C-alpha atoms as a PDB file:
ATOM      1  CA  MET A   1      -0.049   0.056   0.170  1.00  0.00           C
ATOM      2  CA  ALA A   2       1.838   2.904  -1.310  1.00  0.00           C
ATOM      3  CA  ARG A   3       1.880   6.084   1.845  1.00  0.00           C
ATOM      4  CA  ARG A   4       2.829   9.619   1.904  1.00  0.00           C
ATOM      5  CA  ALA A   5       6.693   9.416   2.428  1.00  0.00           C
ATOM      6  CA  ASP A   6       6.485  11.440   5.681  1.00  0.00           C
ATOM      7  CA  ASP A   7       4.137   8.970   7.398  1.00  0.00           C
ATOM      8  CA  PRO A   8       5.539   7.713  10.616  1.00  0.00           C
ATOM      9  CA  ALA A   9       3.067   4.521  10.420  1.00  0.00           C
ATOM     10  CA  GLN A  10       5.416   3.215   7.932  1.00  0.00           C
ATOM     11  CA  ASN A  11       7.432   2.314  11.089  1.00  0.00           C
ATOM     12  CA  PHE A  12       5.608  -0.610  11.690  1.00  0.00           C
ATOM     13  CA  GLU A  13       5.302  -2.234   8.293  1.00  0.00           C
ATOM     14  CA  THR A  14       7.463  -4.857   9.238  1.00  0.00           C
ATOM     15  CA  THR A  15       6.011  -5.407  12.800  1.00  0.00           C
ATOM     16  CA  THR A  16       3.696  -7.970  13.748  1.00  0.00           C
ATOM     17  CA  ASP A  17      -0.238  -6.779  13.480  1.00  0.00           C
ATOM     18  CA  LYS A  18      -0.283  -7.281  17.412  1.00  0.00           C
ATOM     19  CA  LEU A  19       2.321  -5.951  20.107  1.00  0.00           C
ATOM     20  CA  THR A  20       2.966  -4.432  23.776  1.00  0.00           C
ATOM     21  CA  PHE A  21       4.643  -1.293  24.221  1.00  0.00           C
ATOM     22  CA  GLN A  22       5.846  -2.684  27.575  1.00  0.00           C
ATOM     23  CA  ASN A  23       6.348  -5.766  29.347  1.00  0.00           C
ATOM     24  CA  HIS A  24       4.097  -5.181  32.747  1.00  0.00           C
ATOM     25  CA  MET A  25      -0.216  -5.334  33.549  1.00  0.00           C
ATOM     26  CA  SER A  26      -0.965  -1.751  33.140  1.00  0.00           C
ATOM     27  CA  ASP A  27       0.081  -0.888  29.539  1.00  0.00           C
ATOM     28  CA  PRO A  28      -2.773  -1.827  26.736  1.00  0.00           C
ATOM     29  CA  VAL A  29      -1.731  -4.087  23.775  1.00  0.00           C
ATOM     30  CA  LEU A  30      -1.762  -1.959  20.230  1.00  0.00           C
ATOM     31  CA  ASP A  31      -3.382  -3.667  17.255  1.00  0.00           C
ATOM     32  CA  PHE A  32      -4.532  -2.192  13.981  1.00  0.00           C
ATOM     33  CA  VAL A  33      -7.606  -2.757  11.498  1.00  0.00           C
ATOM     34  CA  SER A  34      -7.720  -1.883   7.939  1.00  0.00           C
ATOM     35  CA  CYS A  35     -10.257   0.280   6.981  1.00  0.00           C
ATOM     36  CA  PRO A  36     -10.683   1.255   3.240  1.00  0.00           C
ATOM     37  CA  ASP A  37     -10.609   4.855   1.975  1.00  0.00           C
ATOM     38  CA  GLN A  38     -11.064   7.026  -1.537  1.00  0.00           C
ATOM     39  CA  GLN A  39      -7.444   6.063  -2.252  1.00  0.00           C
ATOM     40  CA  GLY A  40      -7.362   2.430  -1.296  1.00  0.00           C
ATOM     41  CA  LYS A  41      -7.304   1.737   2.376  1.00  0.00           C
ATOM     42  CA  HIS A  42      -5.284   2.743   5.649  1.00  0.00           C
ATOM     43  CA  ARG A  43      -4.743   0.993   8.574  1.00  0.00           C
ATOM     44  CA  MET A  44      -6.051   2.384  11.886  1.00  0.00           C
ATOM     45  CA  ALA A  45      -4.460   1.713  15.465  1.00  0.00           C
ATOM     46  CA  TYR A  46      -6.108   1.095  18.480  1.00  0.00           C
ATOM     47  CA  TRP A  47      -4.895   0.490  22.370  1.00  0.00           C
ATOM     48  CA  SER A  48      -7.141  -2.542  24.310  1.00  0.00           C
ATOM     49  CA  TRP A  49      -7.194  -2.801  27.898  1.00  0.00           C
ATOM     50  CA  GLY A  50      -9.050  -5.303  30.029  1.00  0.00           C
ATOM     51  CA  GLU A  51     -10.124  -8.827  28.899  1.00  0.00           C
ATOM     52  CA  PRO A  52      -9.709  -9.731  25.033  1.00  0.00           C
ATOM     53  CA  SER A  53     -12.942 -11.922  25.790  1.00  0.00           C
ATOM     54  CA  ALA A  54     -15.466  -9.598  27.487  1.00  0.00           C
ATOM     55  CA  PRO A  55     -18.366  -9.229  26.106  1.00  0.00           C
ATOM     56  CA  HIS A  56     -18.666  -6.023  27.731  1.00  0.00           C
ATOM     57  CA  VAL A  57     -16.850  -3.153  25.085  1.00  0.00           C
ATOM     58  CA  VAL A  58     -16.251   0.894  26.069  1.00  0.00           C
ATOM     59  CA  VAL A  59     -15.170   2.570  23.191  1.00  0.00           C
ATOM     60  CA  CYS A  60     -12.824   5.780  23.817  1.00  0.00           C
ATOM     61  CA  VAL A  61     -12.332   8.615  20.850  1.00  0.00           C
ATOM     62  CA  HIS A  62     -10.124  11.383  21.260  1.00  0.00           C
ATOM     63  CA  GLY A  63     -10.600  15.086  20.298  1.00  0.00           C
ATOM     64  CA  LEU A  64      -9.209  16.564  17.132  1.00  0.00           C
ATOM     65  CA  THR A  65      -5.096  16.361  17.373  1.00  0.00           C
ATOM     66  CA  ARG A  66      -5.007  14.110  20.231  1.00  0.00           C
ATOM     67  CA  GLN A  67      -4.765  10.147  19.992  1.00  0.00           C
ATOM     68  CA  GLY A  68      -5.883   7.143  22.073  1.00  0.00           C
ATOM     69  CA  ARG A  69      -3.442   7.292  24.718  1.00  0.00           C
ATOM     70  CA  ASP A  70      -5.030  10.123  26.446  1.00  0.00           C
ATOM     71  CA  PHE A  71      -7.693   7.550  27.933  1.00  0.00           C
ATOM     72  CA  ASP A  72      -4.802   5.679  29.707  1.00  0.00           C
ATOM     73  CA  LEU A  73      -6.071   6.533  33.163  1.00  0.00           C
ATOM     74  CA  LEU A  74      -9.566   6.210  32.132  1.00  0.00           C
ATOM     75  CA  ALA A  75      -9.564   2.953  31.059  1.00  0.00           C
ATOM     76  CA  GLN A  76      -7.316   1.964  33.509  1.00  0.00           C
ATOM     77  CA  GLY A  77      -9.587   2.983  36.261  1.00  0.00           C
ATOM     78  CA  LEU A  78     -12.692   1.221  34.398  1.00  0.00           C
ATOM     79  CA  VAL A  79     -11.126  -1.914  34.292  1.00  0.00           C
ATOM     80  CA  ALA A  80     -10.110  -1.925  37.955  1.00  0.00           C
ATOM     81  CA  SER A  81     -13.748  -0.267  39.127  1.00  0.00           C
ATOM     82  CA  ALA A  82     -15.849  -3.307  37.170  1.00  0.00           C
ATOM     83  CA  LYS A  83     -13.522  -5.799  38.835  1.00  0.00           C
ATOM     84  CA  THR A  84     -13.692  -4.290  42.622  1.00  0.00           C
ATOM     85  CA  ALA A  85     -17.528  -4.260  42.042  1.00  0.00           C
ATOM     86  CA  ASN A  86     -17.341  -7.867  41.069  1.00  0.00           C
ATOM     87  CA  LEU A  87     -19.261  -6.988  37.646  1.00  0.00           C
ATOM     88  CA  PRO A  88     -18.353  -9.074  34.389  1.00  0.00           C
ATOM     89  CA  ALA A  89     -14.792  -8.052  32.952  1.00  0.00           C
ATOM     90  CA  ILE A  90     -14.960  -5.028  30.330  1.00  0.00           C
ATOM     91  CA  ARG A  91     -12.706  -4.247  27.574  1.00  0.00           C
ATOM     92  CA  VAL A  92     -11.557  -0.518  27.063  1.00  0.00           C
ATOM     93  CA  ILE A  93     -10.627   0.274  23.249  1.00  0.00           C
ATOM     94  CA  CYS A  94      -8.774   3.633  22.412  1.00  0.00           C
ATOM     95  CA  PRO A  95      -8.263   4.016  18.462  1.00  0.00           C
ATOM     96  CA  ASP A  96      -5.935   6.330  17.096  1.00  0.00           C
ATOM     97  CA  VAL A  97      -8.031   8.242  14.575  1.00  0.00           C
ATOM     98  CA  ALA A  98      -6.501   8.355  11.129  1.00  0.00           C
ATOM     99  CA  GLY A  99      -3.890  10.518  10.594  1.00  0.00           C
ATOM    100  CA  ARG A 100      -2.900  10.453  14.505  1.00  0.00           C
ATOM    101  CA  GLY A 101      -0.730   8.425  17.033  1.00  0.00           C
ATOM    102  CA  GLN A 102      -0.069   5.074  15.356  1.00  0.00           C
ATOM    103  CA  SER A 103      -2.275   5.446  12.399  1.00  0.00           C
ATOM    104  CA  GLU A 104      -1.500   5.865   8.991  1.00  0.00           C
ATOM    105  CA  TRP A 105      -1.741   8.956   7.432  1.00  0.00           C
ATOM    106  CA  LEU A 106      -4.499   9.649   4.953  1.00  0.00           C
ATOM    107  CA  LYS A 107      -3.183  10.021   1.116  1.00  0.00           C
ATOM    108  CA  ASP A 108      -5.591  12.661   0.620  1.00  0.00           C
ATOM    109  CA  PRO A 109      -5.606  15.536   2.996  1.00  0.00           C
ATOM    110  CA  MET A 110      -9.254  16.336   2.171  1.00  0.00           C
ATOM    111  CA  ALA A 111     -10.470  12.765   3.359  1.00  0.00           C
ATOM    112  CA  TYR A 112     -10.254  13.805   7.172  1.00  0.00           C
ATOM    113  CA  GLN A 113     -13.720  14.523   7.743  1.00  0.00           C
ATOM    114  CA  PHE A 114     -16.189  13.001  10.180  1.00  0.00           C
ATOM    115  CA  ALA A 115     -17.957  10.491   7.318  1.00  0.00           C
ATOM    116  CA  GLN A 116     -14.314   8.475   7.104  1.00  0.00           C
ATOM    117  CA  TYR A 117     -13.582   8.519  10.777  1.00  0.00           C
ATOM    118  CA  ALA A 118     -17.476   6.519  11.394  1.00  0.00           C
ATOM    119  CA  GLY A 119     -16.575   4.580   8.528  1.00  0.00           C
ATOM    120  CA  ASP A 120     -13.088   3.063  10.457  1.00  0.00           C
ATOM    121  CA  MET A 121     -14.926   2.979  13.722  1.00  0.00           C
ATOM    122  CA  ALA A 122     -17.581   0.684  11.811  1.00  0.00           C
ATOM    123  CA  VAL A 123     -14.871  -1.358  10.584  1.00  0.00           C
ATOM    124  CA  LEU A 124     -13.237  -1.519  14.013  1.00  0.00           C
ATOM    125  CA  LEU A 125     -16.753  -2.573  15.729  1.00  0.00           C
ATOM    126  CA  GLN A 126     -16.882  -5.689  12.955  1.00  0.00           C
ATOM    127  CA  THR A 127     -13.609  -6.491  13.557  1.00  0.00           C
ATOM    128  CA  LEU A 128     -14.208  -6.536  17.727  1.00  0.00           C
ATOM    129  CA  ASN A 129     -17.318  -8.538  16.942  1.00  0.00           C
ATOM    130  CA  ALA A 130     -15.814 -10.857  15.294  1.00  0.00           C
ATOM    131  CA  GLN A 131     -13.023 -11.483  17.836  1.00  0.00           C
ATOM    132  CA  GLN A 132     -15.533 -11.868  20.549  1.00  0.00           C
ATOM    133  CA  PRO A 133     -19.223 -10.633  19.969  1.00  0.00           C
ATOM    134  CA  ILE A 134     -20.364  -7.669  21.511  1.00  0.00           C
ATOM    135  CA  LYS A 135     -23.037  -7.929  23.894  1.00  0.00           C
ATOM    136  CA  ARG A 136     -22.918  -3.935  25.387  1.00  0.00           C
ATOM    137  CA  LEU A 137     -21.427  -1.316  23.370  1.00  0.00           C
ATOM    138  CA  ASP A 138     -20.969   1.955  25.244  1.00  0.00           C
ATOM    139  CA  TRP A 139     -19.251   4.923  23.834  1.00  0.00           C
ATOM    140  CA  VAL A 140     -16.988   7.656  25.782  1.00  0.00           C
ATOM    141  CA  GLY A 141     -16.178  10.498  22.878  1.00  0.00           C
ATOM    142  CA  THR A 142     -13.918  14.061  23.914  1.00  0.00           C
ATOM    143  CA  SER A 143     -15.025  16.605  20.834  1.00  0.00           C
ATOM    144  CA  MET A 144     -14.422  15.085  17.593  1.00  0.00           C
ATOM    145  CA  GLY A 145     -14.622  11.687  19.075  1.00  0.00           C
ATOM    146  CA  GLY A 146     -18.208  12.583  20.786  1.00  0.00           C
ATOM    147  CA  VAL A 147     -19.143  13.922  17.460  1.00  0.00           C
ATOM    148  CA  ILE A 148     -18.271  10.269  15.765  1.00  0.00           C
ATOM    149  CA  GLY A 149     -19.951   9.159  18.963  1.00  0.00           C
ATOM    150  CA  MET A 150     -23.076  10.288  17.890  1.00  0.00           C
ATOM    151  CA  LEU A 151     -23.174   9.521  14.308  1.00  0.00           C
ATOM    152  CA  LEU A 152     -22.603   5.764  15.511  1.00  0.00           C
ATOM    153  CA  ALA A 153     -25.348   5.803  18.196  1.00  0.00           C
ATOM    154  CA  ALA A 154     -27.816   7.309  15.356  1.00  0.00           C
ATOM    155  CA  GLN A 155     -27.230   4.373  13.322  1.00  0.00           C
ATOM    156  CA  PRO A 156     -28.954   1.068  13.695  1.00  0.00           C
ATOM    157  CA  LEU A 157     -25.375  -0.988  14.434  1.00  0.00           C
ATOM    158  CA  PRO A 158     -25.777  -4.877  14.815  1.00  0.00           C
ATOM    159  CA  THR A 159     -24.795  -4.049  18.851  1.00  0.00           C
ATOM    160  CA  PRO A 160     -26.229  -0.650  19.220  1.00  0.00           C
ATOM    161  CA  VAL A 161     -24.155   2.084  21.237  1.00  0.00           C
ATOM    162  CA  HIS A 162     -25.880   1.052  24.962  1.00  0.00           C
ATOM    163  CA  ARG A 163     -24.665   4.179  26.871  1.00  0.00           C
ATOM    164  CA  LEU A 164     -23.090   7.628  25.272  1.00  0.00           C
ATOM    165  CA  VAL A 165     -20.701   9.978  27.307  1.00  0.00           C
ATOM    166  CA  LEU A 166     -19.776  12.987  25.291  1.00  0.00           C
ATOM    167  CA  ASN A 167     -17.460  15.426  26.301  1.00  0.00           C
ATOM    168  CA  ASP A 168     -17.921  18.523  25.891  1.00  0.00           C
ATOM    169  CA  ILE A 169     -19.549  18.234  22.562  1.00  0.00           C
ATOM    170  CA  GLY A 170     -22.706  18.817  20.772  1.00  0.00           C
ATOM    171  CA  PRO A 171     -24.381  19.125  17.538  1.00  0.00           C
ATOM    172  CA  VAL A 172     -23.353  22.944  18.145  1.00  0.00           C
ATOM    173  CA  VAL A 173     -19.480  24.162  17.654  1.00  0.00           C
ATOM    174  CA  SER A 174     -19.208  27.685  17.970  1.00  0.00           C
ATOM    175  CA  TRP A 175     -17.508  29.506  15.291  1.00  0.00           C
ATOM    176  CA  ALA A 176     -15.076  31.486  17.743  1.00  0.00           C
ATOM    177  CA  SER A 177     -13.528  27.826  18.633  1.00  0.00           C
ATOM    178  CA  ILE A 178     -13.368  26.936  14.939  1.00  0.00           C
ATOM    179  CA  LEU A 179     -11.328  30.334  14.299  1.00  0.00           C
ATOM    180  CA  ASN A 180      -9.048  28.686  17.318  1.00  0.00           C
ATOM    181  CA  MET A 181      -8.731  26.052  15.513  1.00  0.00           C
ATOM    182  CA  LYS A 182      -7.451  27.260  12.299  1.00  0.00           C
ATOM    183  CA  THR A 183      -4.788  28.940  14.825  1.00  0.00           C
ATOM    184  CA  TYR A 184      -2.894  26.138  15.363  1.00  0.00           C
ATOM    185  CA  VAL A 185      -4.694  22.822  13.835  1.00  0.00           C
ATOM    186  CA  GLY A 186      -1.429  21.383  11.264  1.00  0.00           C
ATOM    187  CA  LYS A 187       1.173  23.496  13.166  1.00  0.00           C
ATOM    188  CA  VAL A 188       3.032  19.921  14.371  1.00  0.00           C
ATOM    189  CA  GLY A 189       6.437  22.263  15.316  1.00  0.00           C
ATOM    190  CA  LYS A 190       9.598  20.943  15.943  1.00  0.00           C
ATOM    191  CA  PHE A 191      11.268  20.644  19.322  1.00  0.00           C
ATOM    192  CA  GLN A 192      14.527  19.765  21.047  1.00  0.00           C
ATOM    193  CA  SER A 193      12.906  17.607  24.364  1.00  0.00           C
ATOM    194  CA  VAL A 194       9.251  15.871  25.054  1.00  0.00           C
ATOM    195  CA  GLN A 195       9.104  18.573  27.881  1.00  0.00           C
ATOM    196  CA  GLU A 196       9.651  21.478  25.482  1.00  0.00           C
ATOM    197  CA  ALA A 197       6.525  20.243  23.119  1.00  0.00           C
ATOM    198  CA  ALA A 198       4.396  19.551  26.705  1.00  0.00           C
ATOM    199  CA  ASN A 199       5.048  23.293  27.646  1.00  0.00           C
ATOM    200  CA  ALA A 200       3.988  24.383  24.052  1.00  0.00           C
ATOM    201  CA  MET A 201       0.762  22.060  24.323  1.00  0.00           C
ATOM    202  CA  LEU A 202      -0.014  23.822  27.474  1.00  0.00           C
ATOM    203  CA  GLU A 203      -0.070  27.386  25.890  1.00  0.00           C
ATOM    204  CA  ILE A 204      -3.136  26.071  23.377  1.00  0.00           C
ATOM    205  CA  SER A 205      -4.800  23.578  25.865  1.00  0.00           C
ATOM    206  CA  LYS A 206      -5.744  25.911  28.857  1.00  0.00           C
ATOM    207  CA  GLY A 207      -9.202  24.603  28.601  1.00  0.00           C
ATOM    208  CA  PHE A 208      -7.982  20.783  29.584  1.00  0.00           C
ATOM    209  CA  GLY A 209      -8.019  22.356  33.417  1.00  0.00           C
ATOM    210  CA  PRO A 210      -5.366  22.455  35.946  1.00  0.00           C
ATOM    211  CA  HIS A 211      -2.935  19.757  35.934  1.00  0.00           C
ATOM    212  CA  THR A 212       0.437  19.355  37.718  1.00  0.00           C
ATOM    213  CA  PRO A 213       3.547  19.203  35.841  1.00  0.00           C
ATOM    214  CA  GLU A 214       3.876  15.522  36.269  1.00  0.00           C
ATOM    215  CA  GLU A 215       0.017  15.325  35.139  1.00  0.00           C
ATOM    216  CA  TRP A 216       0.839  17.239  31.917  1.00  0.00           C
ATOM    217  CA  LEU A 217       4.070  15.548  30.959  1.00  0.00           C
ATOM    218  CA  ALA A 218       2.053  12.027  31.460  1.00  0.00           C
ATOM    219  CA  LEU A 219      -0.784  13.561  29.078  1.00  0.00           C
ATOM    220  CA  SER A 220       2.352  14.649  26.390  1.00  0.00           C
ATOM    221  CA  LYS A 221       4.606  12.261  26.360  1.00  0.00           C
ATOM    222  CA  HIS A 222       2.400  10.173  23.837  1.00  0.00           C
ATOM    223  CA  MET A 223       1.796  13.398  22.097  1.00  0.00           C
ATOM    224  CA  VAL A 224       5.345  13.514  20.138  1.00  0.00           C
ATOM    225  CA  ARG A 225       7.476  11.411  17.802  1.00  0.00           C
ATOM    226  CA  SER A 226      10.782  11.536  17.198  1.00  0.00           C
ATOM    227  CA  VAL A 227      11.440  13.175  13.390  1.00  0.00           C
ATOM    228  CA  GLU A 228      15.242  13.376  13.480  1.00  0.00           C
ATOM    229  CA  GLU A 229      18.036  13.133  16.347  1.00  0.00           C
ATOM    230  CA  GLY A 230      17.090  14.824  19.202  1.00  0.00           C
ATOM    231  CA  ALA A 231      13.953  16.790  17.822  1.00  0.00           C
ATOM    232  CA  PHE A 232      10.550  15.481  18.345  1.00  0.00           C
ATOM    233  CA  SER A 233       7.269  16.879  16.491  1.00  0.00           C
ATOM    234  CA  LEU A 234       3.377  16.175  17.376  1.00  0.00           C
ATOM    235  CA  HIS A 235       2.532  13.152  16.829  1.00  0.00           C
ATOM    236  CA  TYR A 236       0.003  13.469  14.029  1.00  0.00           C
ATOM    237  CA  ASP A 237      -0.571  14.619  10.310  1.00  0.00           C
ATOM    238  CA  PRO A 238      -0.103  17.977   9.747  1.00  0.00           C
ATOM    239  CA  ALA A 239      -2.472  17.811   6.810  1.00  0.00           C
ATOM    240  CA  ILE A 240      -5.612  17.466   9.097  1.00  0.00           C
ATOM    241  CA  GLY A 241      -5.397  20.965   9.430  1.00  0.00           C
ATOM    242  CA  VAL A 242      -6.686  21.633   5.788  1.00  0.00           C
ATOM    243  CA  PRO A 243      -9.729  20.651   6.006  1.00  0.00           C
ATOM    244  CA  VAL A 244     -10.009  22.948   9.112  1.00  0.00           C
ATOM    245  CA  ALA A 245      -8.427  25.745   6.897  1.00  0.00           C
ATOM    246  CA  LYS A 246     -11.133  25.263   4.694  1.00  0.00           C
ATOM    247  CA  ILE A 247     -14.159  25.595   6.775  1.00  0.00           C
ATOM    248  CA  THR A 248     -16.242  29.042   6.419  1.00  0.00           C
ATOM    249  CA  GLN A 249     -18.993  29.893   8.802  1.00  0.00           C
ATOM    250  CA  GLU A 250     -21.797  29.063   5.960  1.00  0.00           C
ATOM    251  CA  GLN A 251     -20.496  25.480   6.145  1.00  0.00           C
ATOM    252  CA  ALA A 252     -20.256  25.264   9.772  1.00  0.00           C
ATOM    253  CA  LEU A 253     -23.984  26.443   9.984  1.00  0.00           C
ATOM    254  CA  ALA A 254     -24.801  23.830   7.863  1.00  0.00           C
ATOM    255  CA  GLY A 255     -22.754  21.112   9.643  1.00  0.00           C
ATOM    256  CA  GLU A 256     -24.340  21.985  12.955  1.00  0.00           C
ATOM    257  CA  ALA A 257     -27.744  21.526  11.107  1.00  0.00           C
ATOM    258  CA  ALA A 258     -26.680  18.381  10.354  1.00  0.00           C
ATOM    259  CA  LEU A 259     -25.877  17.297  13.426  1.00  0.00           C
ATOM    260  CA  TRP A 260     -28.579  18.372  15.081  1.00  0.00           C
ATOM    261  CA  GLN A 261     -30.484  16.036  12.631  1.00  0.00           C
ATOM    262  CA  VAL A 262     -28.088  13.196  13.964  1.00  0.00           C
ATOM    263  CA  TYR A 263     -28.532  14.068  17.757  1.00  0.00           C
ATOM    264  CA  ASP A 264     -32.248  13.956  17.957  1.00  0.00           C
ATOM    265  CA  LEU A 265     -32.160   9.933  16.648  1.00  0.00           C
ATOM    266  CA  ILE A 266     -30.097   8.636  19.408  1.00  0.00           C
ATOM    267  CA  GLN A 267     -32.216   7.023  22.015  1.00  0.00           C
ATOM    268  CA  CYS A 268     -29.436   5.917  24.478  1.00  0.00           C
ATOM    269  CA  PRO A 269     -29.095   7.244  27.385  1.00  0.00           C
ATOM    270  CA  THR A 270     -26.558   9.949  27.341  1.00  0.00           C
ATOM    271  CA  LEU A 271     -24.220  12.160  29.659  1.00  0.00           C
ATOM    272  CA  LEU A 272     -22.422  15.611  28.720  1.00  0.00           C
ATOM    273  CA  ILE A 273     -20.276  16.607  30.374  1.00  0.00           C
ATOM    274  CA  HIS A 274     -19.234  20.289  30.171  1.00  0.00           C
ATOM    275  CA  GLY A 275     -16.712  22.326  30.960  1.00  0.00           C
ATOM    276  CA  ALA A 276     -18.171  25.551  32.779  1.00  0.00           C
ATOM    277  CA  GLN A 277     -15.434  27.775  30.948  1.00  0.00           C
ATOM    278  CA  SER A 278     -15.776  25.983  27.487  1.00  0.00           C
ATOM    279  CA  GLU A 279     -15.199  28.118  24.374  1.00  0.00           C
ATOM    280  CA  LEU A 280     -16.532  25.490  22.501  1.00  0.00           C
ATOM    281  CA  LEU A 281     -20.063  24.680  23.950  1.00  0.00           C
ATOM    282  CA  SER A 282     -22.166  27.481  24.827  1.00  0.00           C
ATOM    283  CA  VAL A 283     -24.676  27.223  28.083  1.00  0.00           C
ATOM    284  CA  SER A 284     -27.150  27.674  25.588  1.00  0.00           C
ATOM    285  CA  ALA A 285     -26.426  24.714  23.164  1.00  0.00           C
ATOM    286  CA  VAL A 286     -26.148  22.845  26.625  1.00  0.00           C
ATOM    287  CA  GLN A 287     -29.961  23.462  27.619  1.00  0.00           C
ATOM    288  CA  GLU A 288     -31.253  23.100  23.835  1.00  0.00           C
ATOM    289  CA  MET A 289     -29.579  19.388  24.181  1.00  0.00           C
ATOM    290  CA  GLN A 290     -31.499  19.019  27.599  1.00  0.00           C
ATOM    291  CA  GLN A 291     -34.778  19.036  25.553  1.00  0.00           C
ATOM    292  CA  ARG A 292     -33.692  17.570  22.448  1.00  0.00           C
ATOM    293  CA  GLY A 293     -33.095  14.030  21.313  1.00  0.00           C
ATOM    294  CA  PRO A 294     -31.751  11.627  24.132  1.00  0.00           C
ATOM    295  CA  ARG A 295     -32.341  14.487  26.573  1.00  0.00           C
ATOM    296  CA  VAL A 296     -28.827  14.486  27.849  1.00  0.00           C
ATOM    297  CA  GLN A 297     -28.186  14.183  31.381  1.00  0.00           C
ATOM    298  CA  VAL A 298     -25.496  17.391  32.264  1.00  0.00           C
ATOM    299  CA  VAL A 299     -22.859  17.531  34.488  1.00  0.00           C
ATOM    300  CA  THR A 300     -20.743  20.480  34.668  1.00  0.00           C
ATOM    301  CA  LEU A 301     -16.998  21.158  35.800  1.00  0.00           C
ATOM    302  CA  GLU A 302     -16.071  24.257  37.305  1.00  0.00           C
ATOM    303  CA  GLY A 303     -12.549  25.875  36.126  1.00  0.00           C
ATOM    304  CA  VAL A 304     -12.444  23.582  33.012  1.00  0.00           C
ATOM    305  CA  GLY A 305     -12.901  24.481  29.352  1.00  0.00           C
ATOM    306  CA  HIS A 306     -12.844  22.476  26.417  1.00  0.00           C
ATOM    307  CA  ALA A 307     -12.358  19.611  27.035  1.00  0.00           C
ATOM    308  CA  PRO A 308     -11.803  18.115  30.311  1.00  0.00           C
ATOM    309  CA  THR A 309      -9.305  15.645  30.096  1.00  0.00           C
ATOM    310  CA  LEU A 310     -10.785  12.621  32.477  1.00  0.00           C
ATOM    311  CA  THR A 311      -7.861  12.110  33.993  1.00  0.00           C
ATOM    312  CA  HIS A 312      -8.436  12.820  37.525  1.00  0.00           C
ATOM    313  CA  GLU A 313     -10.311  10.976  39.993  1.00  0.00           C
ATOM    314  CA  ASN A 314     -13.524  12.626  40.209  1.00  0.00           C
ATOM    315  CA  GLN A 315     -14.191  12.810  36.017  1.00  0.00           C
ATOM    316  CA  ILE A 316     -13.384   9.295  35.963  1.00  0.00           C
ATOM    317  CA  ASP A 317     -15.741   8.664  38.691  1.00  0.00           C
ATOM    318  CA  ILE A 318     -18.473  10.381  36.869  1.00  0.00           C
ATOM    319  CA  VAL A 319     -18.089   8.313  33.904  1.00  0.00           C
ATOM    320  CA  ARG A 320     -17.600   5.063  35.741  1.00  0.00           C
ATOM    321  CA  ARG A 321     -21.190   5.621  37.601  1.00  0.00           C
ATOM    322  CA  PHE A 322     -22.958   6.806  34.545  1.00  0.00           C
ATOM    323  CA  LEU A 323     -21.811   3.278  32.618  1.00  0.00           C
ATOM    324  CA  GLY A 324     -22.755   1.776  36.166  1.00  0.00           C
ATOM    325  CA  LEU A 325     -19.013  -0.084  37.071  1.00  0.00           C
ATOM    326  CA  HIS A 326     -19.131   0.814  40.807  1.00  0.00           C
ATOM    327  CA  ALA A 327     -20.318  -1.480  43.540  1.00  0.00           C
END
């Protein structure tokens, strides 16, 4: 399969299709699925936590420029909670959406669209279901990952989404936040250390809320890749910024109208975790979400904007309780 020459995923061409990065029980398994696109196909990576044979699957999908390892602490917390509460085992799946993390880059930058992402996730679910029939499917989506979740929850899947968690996202994305995205998406930079990259990411991630330096470094270390000896860049395809740069306000409004139609089709119990200081999702939009479609339950987090990282215990507990993974 042809790839762009700068695609870091080519490093995995001669590896096995399943591997662990480290050798202790708290690490996930990395696996891949082959997904079709208009230029042929690409490999999407996903990280798996918990029991491979578990029929209860929780899929966690990240935001626009992030990757699946953002959910390390949430995944560990959910798997441990099921064991502690003596509930059936669960499996937590955290994909790297195409162009991010360990997934291959798309050959056509304009293919970085929600239709492609949702199609990729459908392939992933088919693959997981073939490995072990899924009896219950839950979805946790941060920002972009929440939009993908809405698209799938509105569809008659073989195993429908049972519970949906939207992390600071809904049908409405403010134009101000899109303008802000245009200023940084696609600018992967070059840094002399992981710490320098972490510092740069912090400047555009104030909405994530307060984190200790150690917590922020832990969140950042999977966000970088080595580009040459002694240098690093952010671990995503700069071309994901191409579609973002082309969005007009008229297109954004049309997309919002279409997403409301999707949202109104959702029937499963849905939780919205809302950052009180979110630039992306307004209070009026949240109120409308409470009146339409699945009529979301809302938990508002003070001191946080867009988007909560779901790494702190109080945030993990919100998800845990909504999914019923507690004693």
